[in-house]
């Protein structure tokens, strides 16, 4: 953890966060030599600009870092995290208040830690990293649990599929449950049919490692019931409707929904929130073999609806359907699902802004507000009733894909809605689970989206005793 709460014995380098509105006043407080060095270096208080001011011995005396003024529409709360990748190893602290107060200071500290993430399973890191003294007014424990959850998810998504198959993902779920003392059960292979999870079985039966549904619970049984469901497709070839190679390159991230659910679960359990947590992770690999499910097949579902397979590459909604039906049987107060479900969501909103769907307007407003506070943005799209008929089938209750090329993310959400009857409030997040290019707080690679905002929402609703 690169956020420290103690003051080390060695030197601590101050970081001055400057904007175009504050720079003149802050420059006047610098030693004349330091101010002259900043001017000679061409430093300007523009967002992302960094200048290291030396002392008389040549060591770093002060760091200048430019930000947009607080309230500017261009302001990035994670921008200070860039310093974790710019500065040499050492101890630093924000010597000027973060524009925006304690909430902005927490996001800055969080961004510092998230920017410093490295995936080290196969490649040793080079060099040390800078450490930040926790800013005053920031709860270091809260930052730590969020960073641990995000790191867990990133590590899972970044691990290649030869080392992150169904068995390995189940092992990761088991390890998290054991860490927090949660109760876990698992249904594997042919037992899925015996226990009435036919869609999970159909999708995963062609793989070398059998499909499974892993579940754990945590918290008092009489507390409000909150259930998380995460899509755990460890690799997606597309099945018999096979993807082109270019579309298969990132399919190790098709279990990012499961990783997101686990990240959020860690935050909840570590904080001891006053709720009854249930986590359901359907885990498969969508492979090609003689046992593959086929276009045109019709399978029953746990809910009793028969589903025609219009496309085997729309497999995520199938495994979620059985898991969501199970979740809804318990009638949870809140039911959230996370899935790298559609390319249509990326076309509509890009990689940084996941759409979400719910029929609960008040909850949708809470989600949007929490996303803005946590710099974990989302955008609500409609469960547009007129498109529900696009899922009609001539031979069964419904098809797993729509009959046309339009509104792919919406129709996927409408498909899932068929299986959540009984839940008080249901929300579906169609996430990307990947950062295509490094940004402050978001290194290139696997990412958990929506977990931080939901933790903030649940923390406010169900605070720890």
Protein backbone atom coordinates (compact mmCIF):
# COMPACT_ATOMS: atom_id res chain seq x y z
CA UNK A 1 0.00 0.00 0.00
CA UNK A 2 1.50 3.30 -1.09
CA UNK A 3 -0.69 5.40 1.20
CA UNK A 4 0.96 5.70 4.61
CA UNK A 5 -0.46 7.06 7.85
CA UNK A 6 2.80 7.51 9.78
CA UNK A 7 5.33 10.26 9.25
CA UNK A 8 8.63 8.65 8.26
CA UNK A 9 11.93 9.65 9.79
CA UNK A 10 13.41 10.61 6.42
CA UNK A 11 12.66 13.62 4.23
CA UNK A 12 9.10 14.34 3.11
CA UNK A 13 8.71 16.23 -0.14
CA UNK A 14 5.79 18.69 -0.27
CA UNK A 15 3.51 18.73 -3.30
CA UNK A 16 1.91 22.05 -4.18
CA UNK A 17 -1.33 21.60 -6.12
CA UNK A 18 -1.74 24.75 -8.17
CA UNK A 19 -4.36 26.15 -10.53
CA UNK A 20 -4.36 29.19 -12.74
CA UNK A 21 -6.38 30.93 -10.00
CA UNK A 22 -3.93 30.16 -7.16
CA UNK A 23 -0.54 30.07 -8.87
CA UNK A 24 0.41 33.69 -8.42
CA UNK A 25 -0.21 33.61 -4.67
CA UNK A 26 1.56 30.27 -4.25
CA UNK A 27 4.56 31.35 -6.34
CA UNK A 28 4.99 34.41 -4.09
CA UNK A 29 5.47 32.06 -1.11
CA UNK A 30 8.29 30.10 -2.79
CA UNK A 31 11.92 30.88 -2.10
CA UNK A 32 13.26 33.25 -4.79
CA UNK A 33 15.56 30.56 -6.23
CA UNK A 34 12.69 28.06 -6.43
CA UNK A 35 10.39 30.57 -8.12
CA UNK A 36 13.15 31.40 -10.59
CA UNK A 37 13.73 27.71 -11.32
CA UNK A 38 10.00 27.16 -12.00
CA UNK A 39 10.00 30.10 -14.40
CA UNK A 40 13.20 28.95 -16.13
CA UNK A 41 11.68 25.47 -16.51
CA UNK A 42 8.69 26.95 -18.28
CA UNK A 43 6.23 25.72 -15.67
CA UNK A 44 2.65 26.86 -16.16
CA UNK A 45 -0.29 25.96 -13.90
CA UNK A 46 -1.97 23.81 -16.52
CA UNK A 47 -3.68 20.53 -15.67
CA UNK A 48 -1.17 17.68 -15.51
CA UNK A 49 1.97 19.88 -15.65
CA UNK A 50 4.64 18.81 -13.15
CA UNK A 51 7.82 20.55 -12.06
CA UNK A 52 10.40 19.28 -9.54
CA UNK A 53 12.10 22.12 -7.69
CA UNK A 54 15.60 21.27 -6.35
CA UNK A 55 17.21 22.34 -3.10
CA UNK A 56 20.79 23.60 -2.82
CA UNK A 57 22.15 20.04 -2.83
CA UNK A 58 20.20 19.01 -5.92
CA UNK A 59 17.60 16.89 -4.09
CA UNK A 60 13.88 17.41 -4.73
CA UNK A 61 12.66 20.16 -2.44
CA UNK A 62 9.12 20.74 -3.76
CA UNK A 63 6.82 19.35 -6.43
CA UNK A 64 4.53 21.65 -8.40
CA UNK A 65 1.53 20.02 -10.04
CA UNK A 66 -1.15 21.75 -12.07
CA UNK A 67 -4.89 21.14 -11.71
CA UNK A 68 -8.00 22.57 -13.27
CA UNK A 69 -9.81 24.95 -10.89
CA UNK A 70 -12.36 23.26 -8.66
CA UNK A 71 -15.75 23.16 -10.35
CA UNK A 72 -14.36 23.31 -13.85
CA UNK A 73 -16.13 20.87 -16.20
CA UNK A 74 -12.68 19.72 -17.34
CA UNK A 75 -11.46 18.95 -13.81
CA UNK A 76 -10.43 15.31 -13.32
CA UNK A 77 -10.56 14.30 -9.64
CA UNK A 78 -8.10 11.50 -10.39
CA UNK A 79 -5.49 13.74 -12.02
CA UNK A 80 -3.24 13.90 -8.90
CA UNK A 81 -2.85 10.14 -9.28
CA UNK A 82 -0.60 10.83 -12.24
CA UNK A 83 2.10 11.79 -9.75
CA UNK A 84 2.41 8.17 -8.65
CA UNK A 85 3.82 7.39 -12.10
CA UNK A 86 5.93 10.56 -12.47
CA UNK A 87 7.77 10.88 -9.17
CA UNK A 88 10.79 8.89 -8.04
CA UNK A 89 10.67 6.66 -4.98
CA UNK A 90 10.34 8.64 -1.78
CA UNK A 91 7.79 10.06 0.67
CA UNK A 92 5.49 12.90 -0.36
CA UNK A 93 2.56 14.85 1.01
CA UNK A 94 0.09 17.36 -0.34
CA UNK A 95 1.32 20.63 1.14
CA UNK A 96 -1.60 22.62 -0.21
CA UNK A 97 -5.24 21.77 0.30
CA UNK A 98 -6.88 19.80 -2.49
CA UNK A 99 -9.44 21.94 -4.31
CA UNK A 100 -12.80 20.46 -3.32
CA UNK A 101 -12.05 19.64 0.31
CA UNK A 102 -11.86 16.25 2.04
CA UNK A 103 -13.87 14.42 -0.62
CA UNK A 104 -11.47 15.60 -3.34
CA UNK A 105 -8.50 14.76 -1.11
CA UNK A 106 -9.79 11.20 -0.74
CA UNK A 107 -10.17 10.83 -4.50
CA UNK A 108 -6.66 12.20 -4.98
CA UNK A 109 -5.22 9.69 -2.50
CA UNK A 110 -7.27 6.89 -4.06
CA UNK A 111 -6.08 7.86 -7.53
CA UNK A 112 -2.47 7.83 -6.34
CA UNK A 113 -2.83 4.21 -5.18
CA UNK A 114 -4.83 3.09 -8.22
CA UNK A 115 -2.35 4.71 -10.62
CA UNK A 116 0.51 2.83 -8.99
CA UNK A 117 -1.08 -0.57 -9.70
CA UNK A 118 1.20 -3.08 -11.41
CA UNK A 119 0.35 -6.57 -12.63
CA UNK A 120 3.38 -8.53 -11.49
CA UNK A 121 2.42 -12.20 -11.87
CA UNK A 122 4.59 -12.74 -14.94
CA UNK A 123 6.91 -9.75 -14.99
CA UNK A 124 8.90 -8.31 -12.11
CA UNK A 125 8.45 -4.58 -11.56
CA UNK A 126 11.41 -2.29 -12.15
CA UNK A 127 12.27 0.34 -9.55
CA UNK A 128 10.50 1.54 -6.42
CA UNK A 129 7.41 3.71 -6.18
CA UNK A 130 6.61 6.97 -4.40
CA UNK A 131 4.59 6.88 -1.16
CA UNK A 132 1.96 9.41 -0.16
CA UNK A 133 1.24 10.43 3.42
CA UNK A 134 -2.50 10.16 3.92
CA UNK A 135 -4.01 13.66 3.67
CA UNK A 136 -5.70 15.09 6.75
CA UNK A 137 -9.42 14.32 6.82
CA UNK A 138 -9.07 11.17 4.70
CA UNK A 139 -10.00 7.73 6.08
CA UNK A 140 -6.96 5.64 5.15
CA UNK A 141 -8.76 2.40 6.03
CA UNK A 142 -11.56 3.16 3.59
CA UNK A 143 -9.09 3.96 0.81
CA UNK A 144 -7.20 0.76 1.59
CA UNK A 145 -10.25 -1.51 1.30
CA UNK A 146 -11.31 0.13 -1.98
CA UNK A 147 -7.80 -0.26 -3.42
CA UNK A 148 -7.66 -3.90 -2.29
CA UNK A 149 -10.98 -4.63 -4.00
CA UNK A 150 -9.97 -2.93 -7.23
CA UNK A 151 -6.57 -4.66 -7.18
CA UNK A 152 -8.22 -8.05 -6.72
CA UNK A 153 -10.46 -7.45 -9.72
CA UNK A 154 -7.67 -6.09 -11.92
CA UNK A 155 -5.44 -9.05 -11.14
CA UNK A 156 -8.20 -11.51 -12.01
CA UNK A 157 -9.05 -9.81 -15.30
CA UNK A 158 -5.40 -9.37 -16.32
CA UNK A 159 -4.57 -13.05 -15.73
CA UNK A 160 -4.56 -14.93 -19.06
CA UNK A 161 -7.15 -17.66 -19.58
CA UNK A 162 -4.65 -20.53 -19.37
CA UNK A 163 -4.23 -19.56 -15.70
CA UNK A 164 -7.76 -18.20 -15.11
CA UNK A 165 -10.09 -20.96 -16.20
CA UNK A 166 -13.25 -21.97 -14.35
CA UNK A 167 -11.39 -23.87 -11.64
CA UNK A 168 -8.97 -21.00 -10.99
CA UNK A 169 -11.78 -18.45 -10.84
CA UNK A 170 -13.67 -20.63 -8.38
CA UNK A 171 -10.48 -20.85 -6.30
CA UNK A 172 -10.31 -17.04 -6.23
CA UNK A 173 -13.93 -16.88 -5.04
CA UNK A 174 -13.17 -19.47 -2.37
CA UNK A 175 -10.12 -17.54 -1.19
CA UNK A 176 -12.11 -14.31 -0.80
CA UNK A 177 -14.94 -16.07 1.03
CA UNK A 178 -12.47 -17.79 3.38
CA UNK A 179 -10.68 -14.52 4.09
CA UNK A 180 -13.90 -13.00 5.42
CA UNK A 181 -15.45 -16.11 6.93
CA UNK A 182 -18.30 -16.27 4.42
CA UNK A 183 -20.28 -19.48 3.80
CA UNK A 184 -19.62 -20.94 0.33
CA UNK A 185 -21.13 -23.64 -1.87
CA UNK A 186 -20.46 -24.76 -5.43
CA UNK A 187 -22.43 -26.69 -8.05
CA UNK A 188 -20.24 -28.20 -10.79
CA UNK A 189 -20.73 -30.03 -14.08
CA UNK A 190 -23.66 -32.44 -14.40
CA UNK A 191 -24.91 -31.42 -10.97
CA UNK A 192 -26.03 -28.17 -12.63
CA UNK A 193 -28.68 -30.16 -14.51
CA UNK A 194 -29.72 -32.03 -11.39
CA UNK A 195 -30.09 -28.71 -9.52
CA UNK A 196 -31.96 -27.00 -12.40
CA UNK A 197 -29.39 -24.67 -13.95
CA UNK A 198 -29.68 -25.86 -17.58
CA UNK A 199 -28.51 -22.67 -19.28
CA UNK A 200 -25.25 -22.47 -17.32
CA UNK A 201 -24.62 -26.11 -18.16
CA UNK A 202 -25.41 -25.69 -21.86
CA UNK A 203 -23.00 -22.78 -22.31
CA UNK A 204 -20.08 -24.36 -20.47
CA UNK A 205 -20.37 -28.04 -21.27
CA UNK A 206 -18.02 -27.92 -24.30
CA UNK A 207 -14.99 -26.75 -22.28
CA UNK A 208 -12.26 -28.91 -20.80
CA UNK A 209 -13.12 -27.58 -17.33
CA UNK A 210 -16.78 -28.03 -16.38
CA UNK A 211 -19.15 -25.13 -15.80
CA UNK A 212 -20.17 -24.21 -12.27
CA UNK A 213 -22.16 -21.86 -10.07
CA UNK A 214 -20.33 -20.63 -6.98
CA UNK A 215 -22.21 -18.89 -4.18
CA UNK A 216 -21.29 -17.36 -0.84
CA UNK A 217 -23.19 -15.48 1.86
CA UNK A 218 -22.07 -13.09 4.57
CA UNK A 219 -23.68 -11.08 7.32
CA UNK A 220 -26.67 -11.36 9.65
CA UNK A 221 -29.59 -13.32 8.23
CA UNK A 222 -32.07 -10.72 9.45
CA UNK A 223 -30.27 -7.79 7.76
CA UNK A 224 -31.43 -6.27 4.43
CA UNK A 225 -30.71 -8.69 1.59
CA UNK A 226 -28.32 -7.47 -1.10
CA UNK A 227 -27.36 -9.88 -3.87
CA UNK A 228 -24.57 -9.54 -6.44
CA UNK A 229 -24.39 -11.61 -9.64
CA UNK A 230 -21.27 -11.49 -11.81
CA UNK A 231 -20.75 -12.96 -15.28
CA UNK A 232 -17.80 -15.35 -15.11
CA UNK A 233 -17.00 -16.32 -18.71
CA UNK A 234 -13.29 -17.10 -18.37
CA UNK A 235 -12.80 -17.04 -22.12
CA UNK A 236 -15.28 -16.49 -24.92
CA UNK A 237 -14.55 -17.94 -28.34
CA UNK A 238 -18.10 -17.06 -29.35
CA UNK A 239 -18.90 -20.76 -29.47
CA UNK A 240 -20.00 -22.13 -32.84
CA UNK A 241 -20.78 -18.55 -33.85
CA UNK A 242 -17.05 -18.08 -33.46
CA UNK A 243 -15.52 -14.64 -33.12
CA UNK A 244 -12.84 -13.39 -35.53
CA UNK A 245 -9.37 -13.42 -34.02
CA UNK A 246 -9.35 -9.65 -33.56
CA UNK A 247 -12.45 -9.87 -31.37
CA UNK A 248 -11.00 -12.75 -29.35
CA UNK A 249 -7.83 -10.98 -28.23
CA UNK A 250 -9.36 -9.43 -25.10
CA UNK A 251 -11.77 -12.21 -24.24
CA UNK A 252 -9.87 -13.02 -21.06
CA UNK A 253 -11.77 -9.99 -19.71
CA UNK A 254 -15.14 -11.65 -20.23
CA UNK A 255 -15.13 -12.57 -16.54
CA UNK A 256 -14.82 -8.91 -15.48
CA UNK A 257 -18.40 -8.97 -14.22
CA UNK A 258 -17.44 -11.70 -11.75
CA UNK A 259 -14.31 -9.77 -10.80
CA UNK A 260 -16.39 -6.64 -10.19
CA UNK A 261 -18.82 -8.53 -7.96
CA UNK A 262 -15.88 -9.90 -5.95
CA UNK A 263 -14.28 -6.45 -5.64
CA UNK A 264 -17.51 -4.99 -4.30
CA UNK A 265 -18.03 -7.98 -2.02
CA UNK A 266 -14.60 -7.44 -0.50
CA UNK A 267 -15.35 -3.79 0.21
CA UNK A 268 -18.68 -4.67 1.83
CA UNK A 269 -17.31 -7.49 3.98
CA UNK A 270 -14.16 -5.66 5.00
CA UNK A 271 -16.23 -2.67 6.13
CA UNK A 272 -18.73 -4.88 7.96
CA UNK A 273 -21.74 -3.14 6.41
CA UNK A 274 -25.04 -4.01 8.07
CA UNK A 275 -26.55 -6.14 5.31
CA UNK A 276 -27.02 -9.75 4.29
CA UNK A 277 -24.72 -10.23 1.31
CA UNK A 278 -25.21 -12.98 -1.25
CA UNK A 279 -22.83 -13.39 -4.19
CA UNK A 280 -23.58 -15.65 -7.16
CA UNK A 281 -20.87 -16.29 -9.77
CA UNK A 282 -21.83 -18.48 -12.76
CA UNK A 283 -18.52 -19.63 -14.26
CA UNK A 284 -17.98 -21.13 -17.73
CA UNK A 285 -15.68 -21.13 -20.70
CA UNK A 286 -17.52 -20.72 -24.01
CA UNK A 287 -15.57 -23.21 -26.10
CA UNK A 288 -15.89 -25.08 -29.37
CA UNK A 289 -16.12 -28.88 -29.37
CA UNK A 290 -18.52 -31.65 -30.31
CA UNK A 291 -20.47 -30.80 -27.14
CA UNK A 292 -20.98 -27.12 -28.01
CA UNK A 293 -24.49 -25.73 -27.85
CA UNK A 294 -25.75 -24.70 -31.28
CA UNK A 295 -27.65 -21.92 -33.01
CA UNK A 296 -31.25 -23.08 -33.20
CA UNK A 297 -31.10 -25.17 -30.03
CA UNK A 298 -33.84 -24.61 -27.46
CA UNK A 299 -33.09 -24.98 -23.75
CA UNK A 300 -35.19 -24.66 -20.64
CA UNK A 301 -34.14 -22.18 -17.98
CA UNK A 302 -34.35 -22.29 -14.22
CA UNK A 303 -37.30 -19.89 -14.35
CA UNK A 304 -39.19 -22.25 -16.67
CA UNK A 305 -38.91 -20.12 -19.80
CA UNK A 306 -37.67 -21.95 -22.90
CA UNK A 307 -34.91 -20.07 -24.72
CA UNK A 308 -34.06 -20.43 -28.41
CA UNK A 309 -30.38 -19.86 -29.21
CA UNK A 310 -30.16 -17.25 -31.91
CA UNK A 311 -26.43 -16.76 -31.43
CA UNK A 312 -23.97 -18.73 -29.30
CA UNK A 313 -21.87 -15.58 -28.83
CA UNK A 314 -24.67 -14.14 -26.67
CA UNK A 315 -23.80 -16.61 -23.94
CA UNK A 316 -23.32 -14.25 -21.00
CA UNK A 317 -27.02 -13.45 -20.71
CA UNK A 318 -27.78 -17.18 -20.63
CA UNK A 319 -25.64 -17.96 -17.61
CA UNK A 320 -26.84 -14.79 -15.90
CA UNK A 321 -30.46 -15.80 -16.53
CA UNK A 322 -30.19 -18.93 -14.39
CA UNK A 323 -28.21 -17.15 -11.68
CA UNK A 324 -30.61 -14.19 -11.59
CA UNK A 325 -33.60 -16.51 -11.39
CA UNK A 326 -32.04 -18.17 -8.35
CA UNK A 327 -31.27 -14.80 -6.79
CA UNK A 328 -34.83 -13.54 -7.32
CA UNK A 329 -36.31 -16.58 -5.58
CA UNK A 330 -35.03 -15.17 -2.28
CA UNK A 331 -36.69 -11.79 -3.02
CA UNK A 332 -33.69 -9.62 -2.16
CA UNK A 333 -34.13 -5.95 -1.42
CA UNK A 334 -31.39 -5.08 -3.94
CA UNK A 335 -30.15 -7.24 -6.83
CA UNK A 336 -27.19 -6.04 -8.88
CA UNK A 337 -25.66 -7.85 -11.85
CA UNK A 338 -22.40 -7.04 -13.62
CA UNK A 339 -21.45 -8.27 -17.08
CA UNK A 340 -19.26 -7.50 -20.06
CA UNK A 341 -22.39 -8.17 -22.03
CA UNK A 342 -22.56 -6.24 -25.31
CA UNK A 343 -20.41 -4.46 -27.83
CA UNK A 344 -23.46 -2.26 -28.43
CA UNK A 345 -22.89 -0.60 -25.04
CA UNK A 346 -19.38 0.38 -26.13
CA UNK A 347 -20.65 1.77 -29.43
CA UNK A 348 -23.21 3.85 -27.56
CA UNK A 349 -21.13 5.12 -24.63
CA UNK A 350 -17.51 4.09 -25.18
CA UNK A 351 -15.24 2.16 -22.80
CA UNK A 352 -15.31 4.61 -19.86
CA UNK A 353 -19.04 5.02 -19.29
CA UNK A 354 -21.01 1.83 -18.57
CA UNK A 355 -24.76 1.94 -19.09
CA UNK A 356 -27.06 0.68 -16.38
CA UNK A 357 -30.70 -0.37 -16.40
CA UNK A 358 -33.32 -0.39 -13.68
CA UNK A 359 -36.99 0.26 -13.20
CA UNK A 360 -36.37 1.97 -9.86
CA UNK A 361 -36.10 5.70 -10.51
CA UNK A 362 -35.08 6.61 -6.97
CA UNK A 363 -32.32 4.01 -6.94
CA UNK A 364 -31.15 5.18 -10.38
CA UNK A 365 -30.75 8.70 -9.01
CA UNK A 366 -28.74 7.34 -6.06
CA UNK A 367 -26.48 5.42 -8.43
CA UNK A 368 -25.84 8.44 -10.63
CA UNK A 369 -25.06 10.59 -7.59
CA UNK A 370 -22.70 8.02 -6.08
CA UNK A 371 -20.96 7.61 -9.44
CA UNK A 372 -20.30 11.34 -9.62
CA UNK A 373 -19.00 11.48 -6.03
CA UNK A 374 -16.67 8.51 -6.50
CA UNK A 375 -15.52 9.42 -10.03
CA UNK A 376 -16.94 6.07 -11.11
CA UNK A 377 -19.25 7.28 -13.90
CA UNK A 378 -22.29 5.46 -15.30
CA UNK A 379 -25.20 6.43 -17.51
CA UNK A 380 -28.76 5.17 -17.30
CA UNK A 381 -30.32 3.74 -20.46
CA UNK A 382 -34.00 2.80 -20.71
CA UNK A 383 -35.67 -0.58 -20.47
CA UNK A 384 -37.61 0.42 -23.57
CA UNK A 385 -40.82 -1.63 -23.59
CA UNK A 386 -41.35 -1.36 -27.33
CA UNK A 387 -38.16 -3.34 -27.94
CA UNK A 388 -39.18 -6.29 -25.77
CA UNK A 389 -40.97 -7.93 -28.69
CA UNK A 390 -37.66 -8.08 -30.58
CA UNK A 391 -36.84 -11.09 -28.37
CA UNK A 392 -39.88 -13.06 -29.60
CA UNK A 393 -39.25 -16.56 -30.93
CA UNK A 394 -41.41 -18.60 -33.29
CA UNK A 395 -40.57 -21.88 -31.52
CA UNK A 396 -40.05 -20.99 -27.83
CA UNK A 397 -40.81 -18.43 -25.15
CA UNK A 398 -38.01 -16.13 -26.27
CA UNK A 399 -34.77 -15.88 -28.23
CA UNK A 400 -31.45 -15.00 -26.63
CA UNK A 401 -30.83 -12.26 -29.23
CA UNK A 402 -33.06 -9.70 -30.89
CA UNK A 403 -34.40 -10.05 -34.41
CA UNK A 404 -32.57 -6.96 -35.70
CA UNK A 405 -29.27 -5.08 -35.44
CA UNK A 406 -30.49 -2.23 -33.24
CA UNK A 407 -30.42 -1.47 -29.47
CA UNK A 408 -28.27 -4.46 -28.59
CA UNK A 409 -27.51 -3.38 -25.02
CA UNK A 410 -31.15 -2.52 -24.31
CA UNK A 411 -32.50 -5.81 -25.66
CA UNK A 412 -29.89 -7.72 -23.63
CA UNK A 413 -31.12 -5.95 -20.50
CA UNK A 414 -34.72 -6.72 -21.47
CA UNK A 415 -33.76 -10.38 -21.83
CA UNK A 416 -32.33 -10.40 -18.29
CA UNK A 417 -35.40 -8.63 -16.92
CA UNK A 418 -37.46 -11.72 -17.78
CA UNK A 419 -35.60 -13.60 -15.03
CA UNK A 420 -35.63 -11.22 -12.05
CA UNK A 421 -39.29 -11.36 -11.03
CA UNK A 422 -39.40 -11.28 -7.24
CA UNK A 423 -36.49 -8.94 -6.61
CA UNK A 424 -37.54 -5.67 -5.00
CA UNK A 425 -35.09 -3.57 -7.07
CA UNK A 426 -32.85 -4.91 -9.84
CA UNK A 427 -30.01 -3.10 -11.61
CA UNK A 428 -28.01 -4.40 -14.57
CA UNK A 429 -24.60 -2.93 -15.40
CA UNK A 430 -23.21 -3.54 -18.90
CA UNK A 431 -19.51 -2.90 -18.20
CA UNK A 432 -16.42 -2.98 -20.39
CA UNK A 433 -13.96 -4.17 -17.74
CA UNK A 434 -10.91 -2.81 -19.51
CA UNK A 435 -8.97 0.45 -19.93
CA UNK A 436 -7.64 0.70 -23.50
CA UNK A 437 -5.15 3.49 -22.69
CA UNK A 438 -3.61 4.61 -19.39
CA UNK A 439 -5.26 7.50 -17.56
CA UNK A 440 -4.75 8.82 -14.00
CA UNK A 441 -6.11 6.22 -11.60
CA UNK A 442 -6.81 3.84 -14.47
CA UNK A 443 -3.76 2.01 -15.87
CA UNK A 444 -4.19 0.21 -19.17
CA UNK A 445 -5.60 -3.27 -18.62
CA UNK A 446 -8.30 -4.93 -16.56
CA UNK A 447 -10.58 -2.65 -14.60
CA UNK A 448 -13.50 -2.82 -12.23
CA UNK A 449 -16.27 -0.39 -13.09
CA UNK A 450 -19.24 0.43 -10.80
CA UNK A 451 -17.89 -1.36 -7.69
CA UNK A 452 -16.64 1.84 -6.04
CA UNK A 453 -19.88 3.74 -6.58
CA UNK A 454 -22.01 0.87 -5.26
CA UNK A 455 -19.82 0.53 -2.20
CA UNK A 456 -20.39 4.23 -1.46
CA UNK A 457 -24.14 3.81 -1.99
CA UNK A 458 -24.38 0.75 0.26
CA UNK A 459 -22.08 2.29 2.87
CA UNK A 460 -24.46 5.25 3.14
CA UNK A 461 -27.55 3.01 3.31
CA UNK A 462 -26.24 0.29 5.63
CA UNK A 463 -23.36 1.70 7.70
CA UNK A 464 -21.36 -0.65 9.90
CA UNK A 465 -22.57 -0.89 13.48
